[in-house]
Protein backbone atom coordinates (compact mmCIF):
# COMPACT_ATOMS: atom_id res chain seq x y z
CA MET A 1 110.85 117.90 91.87
CA LYS A 2 111.40 114.60 93.66
CA TRP A 3 110.90 116.33 97.00
CA ILE A 4 107.56 117.74 95.90
CA ILE A 5 106.37 114.31 94.77
CA GLY A 6 107.53 112.77 98.04
CA PHE A 7 105.79 115.46 100.05
CA LEU A 8 102.54 114.98 98.12
CA ALA A 9 102.76 111.22 98.62
CA VAL A 10 103.19 111.62 102.39
CA LEU A 11 100.34 114.12 102.49
CA ALA A 12 98.07 111.76 100.56
CA LEU A 13 99.04 108.92 102.91
CA ALA A 14 98.16 111.03 105.95
CA VAL A 15 94.78 111.97 104.48
CA GLY A 16 94.14 108.33 103.61
CA VAL A 17 94.95 107.18 107.14
CA LEU A 18 92.59 109.80 108.58
CA LEU A 19 89.78 108.74 106.26
CA ILE A 20 90.30 105.04 106.94
CA SER A 21 90.39 105.59 110.71
CA ARG A 22 86.93 107.19 110.56
CA LEU A 23 85.31 104.16 108.89
CA PRO A 24 83.76 101.19 110.68
CA GLY A 25 86.09 98.21 111.19
CA GLU A 26 85.24 95.99 108.24
CA ASP A 27 85.04 98.84 105.73
CA ALA A 28 88.36 100.23 106.95
CA ILE A 29 90.06 96.86 106.49
CA ARG A 30 88.63 96.48 102.99
CA LEU A 31 89.64 100.00 101.93
CA ALA A 32 93.12 99.59 103.44
CA GLY A 33 93.51 96.39 101.40
CA TYR A 34 92.58 98.21 98.20
CA VAL A 35 94.99 101.03 98.99
CA ALA A 36 97.81 98.61 99.80
CA THR A 37 97.23 96.72 96.55
CA ALA A 38 97.27 99.95 94.52
CA ALA A 39 100.42 101.16 96.28
CA PHE A 40 102.17 97.84 95.65
CA ALA A 41 101.21 97.94 91.96
CA ALA A 42 102.50 101.51 91.66
CA LEU A 43 105.78 100.53 93.34
CA ILE A 44 106.28 97.58 90.99
CA SER A 45 105.49 99.82 88.00
CA LEU A 46 108.07 102.39 89.11
CA VAL A 47 110.72 99.70 89.63
CA LEU A 48 110.07 98.18 86.21
CA ARG A 49 110.23 101.58 84.50
CA TRP A 50 113.43 102.47 86.36
CA ARG A 51 115.08 99.19 85.33
CA ALA A 52 113.97 99.62 81.71
CA SER A 53 115.41 103.12 81.53
CA ARG A 54 118.70 101.91 83.03
CA ALA A 55 118.89 99.09 80.49
CA GLN A 56 118.16 101.54 77.68
CA GLN A 57 120.94 103.86 78.85
CA ARG A 58 123.34 100.92 79.07
CA ASN A 59 122.47 99.86 75.52
CA LYS A 60 123.08 103.39 74.22
CA ARG A 61 126.56 103.42 75.78
CA ALA A 62 127.38 99.96 74.40
CA GLY A 63 126.47 101.28 71.01
């Protein structure tokens, strides 16, 4: 399952790069900024969820 998600993410990145490369300079920079901001927010969200689930598992073991 993780491999499928990774493959889809790489595929979406490739499509995004192709679309951005076809835009005029200023629009491409603006869109790339939006995409980078969204990707950073998604990464932070995943890290926070991962840490919360680890803490929850640790609390279950501690009892």
